[in-house]
Amino acid sequence: MQREPLRKAIEWLEKRQDQEYKYWDASSMNKRYPVGSTQERFMRDAATGFAALALAAAEPERGKRIR
């Protein structure tokens, strides 16, 4: 059984994942970028990569199902 903080972190990530396209959104703390810009897409890609890594580390069996 998972520890409570880990379970809450996983729930937090799952609730914030875009339900249609499955990415995690992110914004820069330093600057607002135009919608659809390369910078905005980079932030989204980075957030999605980190979220996926966190989920894969927390739930190794989930990663096996995706492949």
C-alpha atoms as a PDB file:
ATOM      1  CA  MET A   1       0.000   0.000   0.000  1.00  0.00           C
ATOM      2  CA  GLN A   2       1.237   3.476  -0.857  1.00  0.00           C
ATOM      3  CA  ARG A   3       2.037   6.076   1.717  1.00  0.00           C
ATOM      4  CA  GLU A   4      -0.559   8.819   2.057  1.00  0.00           C
ATOM      5  CA  PRO A   5       1.593  11.706   0.710  1.00  0.00           C
ATOM      6  CA  LEU A   6       2.474   9.689  -2.387  1.00  0.00           C
ATOM      7  CA  ARG A   7      -1.168   8.768  -2.966  1.00  0.00           C
ATOM      8  CA  LYS A   8      -2.169  12.443  -2.682  1.00  0.00           C
ATOM      9  CA  ALA A   9       0.574  13.487  -5.113  1.00  0.00           C
ATOM     10  CA  ILE A  10      -0.588  10.933  -7.666  1.00  0.00           C
ATOM     11  CA  GLU A  11      -4.190  12.097  -7.292  1.00  0.00           C
ATOM     12  CA  TRP A  12      -3.075  15.711  -7.730  1.00  0.00           C
ATOM     13  CA  LEU A  13      -1.284  14.851 -10.981  1.00  0.00           C
ATOM     14  CA  GLU A  14      -4.194  12.803 -12.292  1.00  0.00           C
ATOM     15  CA  LYS A  15      -6.719  15.575 -11.592  1.00  0.00           C
ATOM     16  CA  ARG A  16      -4.629  18.156 -13.407  1.00  0.00           C
ATOM     17  CA  GLN A  17      -3.966  16.124 -16.544  1.00  0.00           C
ATOM     18  CA  ASP A  18      -5.803  17.379 -19.609  1.00  0.00           C
ATOM     19  CA  GLN A  19      -8.533  14.811 -20.174  1.00  0.00           C
ATOM     20  CA  GLU A  20      -8.688  15.174 -23.940  1.00  0.00           C
ATOM     21  CA  TYR A  21      -5.035  15.429 -24.966  1.00  0.00           C
ATOM     22  CA  LYS A  22      -3.421  13.932 -21.814  1.00  0.00           C
ATOM     23  CA  TYR A  23      -0.790  16.641 -21.226  1.00  0.00           C
ATOM     24  CA  TRP A  24      -0.040  18.643 -18.090  1.00  0.00           C
ATOM     25  CA  ASP A  25      -0.139  22.387 -18.525  1.00  0.00           C
ATOM     26  CA  ALA A  26       2.480  24.731 -17.095  1.00  0.00           C
ATOM     27  CA  SER A  27       3.192  28.408 -17.070  1.00  0.00           C
ATOM     28  CA  SER A  28       6.357  30.390 -16.554  1.00  0.00           C
ATOM     29  CA  MET A  29       6.761  32.260 -13.297  1.00  0.00           C
ATOM     30  CA  ASN A  30       8.822  34.856 -15.148  1.00  0.00           C
ATOM     31  CA  LYS A  31       6.801  35.707 -18.241  1.00  0.00           C
ATOM     32  CA  ARG A  32       3.481  35.116 -19.978  1.00  0.00           C
ATOM     33  CA  TYR A  33       3.913  33.611 -23.418  1.00  0.00           C
ATOM     34  CA  PRO A  34       1.459  33.898 -26.304  1.00  0.00           C
ATOM     35  CA  VAL A  35      -0.999  31.032 -26.657  1.00  0.00           C
ATOM     36  CA  GLY A  36       0.387  28.416 -29.028  1.00  0.00           C
ATOM     37  CA  SER A  37       3.915  29.850 -28.969  1.00  0.00           C
ATOM     38  CA  THR A  38       6.995  27.671 -28.970  1.00  0.00           C
ATOM     39  CA  GLN A  39       7.728  28.752 -25.405  1.00  0.00           C
ATOM     40  CA  GLU A  40       4.246  27.799 -24.222  1.00  0.00           C
ATOM     41  CA  ARG A  41       4.482  24.397 -25.894  1.00  0.00           C
ATOM     42  CA  PHE A  42       7.951  23.877 -24.374  1.00  0.00           C
ATOM     43  CA  MET A  43       6.584  24.568 -20.881  1.00  0.00           C
ATOM     44  CA  ARG A  44       3.738  22.110 -21.497  1.00  0.00           C
ATOM     45  CA  ASP A  45       6.113  19.450 -22.822  1.00  0.00           C
ATOM     46  CA  ALA A  46       8.445  19.878 -19.854  1.00  0.00           C
ATOM     47  CA  ALA A  47       5.577  19.660 -17.353  1.00  0.00           C
ATOM     48  CA  THR A  48       4.228  16.559 -19.068  1.00  0.00           C
ATOM     49  CA  GLY A  49       7.648  14.916 -19.057  1.00  0.00           C
ATOM     50  CA  PHE A  50       8.187  15.565 -15.356  1.00  0.00           C
ATOM     51  CA  ALA A  51       4.679  14.380 -14.473  1.00  0.00           C
ATOM     52  CA  ALA A  52       5.141  11.194 -16.492  1.00  0.00           C
ATOM     53  CA  LEU A  53       8.498  10.518 -14.824  1.00  0.00           C
ATOM     54  CA  ALA A  54       6.980  11.039 -11.375  1.00  0.00           C
ATOM     55  CA  LEU A  55       4.087   8.685 -12.113  1.00  0.00           C
ATOM     56  CA  ALA A  56       6.386   6.068 -13.613  1.00  0.00           C
ATOM     57  CA  ALA A  57       8.626   6.155 -10.558  1.00  0.00           C
ATOM     58  CA  ALA A  58       5.680   6.026  -8.162  1.00  0.00           C
ATOM     59  CA  GLU A  59       3.788   3.325 -10.014  1.00  0.00           C
ATOM     60  CA  PRO A  60       6.171   1.160 -12.068  1.00  0.00           C
ATOM     61  CA  GLU A  61       3.356  -1.156 -13.136  1.00  0.00           C
ATOM     62  CA  ARG A  62       1.516   1.747 -14.805  1.00  0.00           C
ATOM     63  CA  GLY A  63       4.448   2.336 -17.142  1.00  0.00           C
ATOM     64  CA  LYS A  64       4.415  -1.310 -18.183  1.00  0.00           C
ATOM     65  CA  ARG A  65       0.749  -1.095 -19.165  1.00  0.00           C
ATOM     66  CA  ILE A  66       1.342   1.922 -21.404  1.00  0.00           C
ATOM     67  CA  ARG A  67       3.989   0.246 -23.552  1.00  0.00           C
END
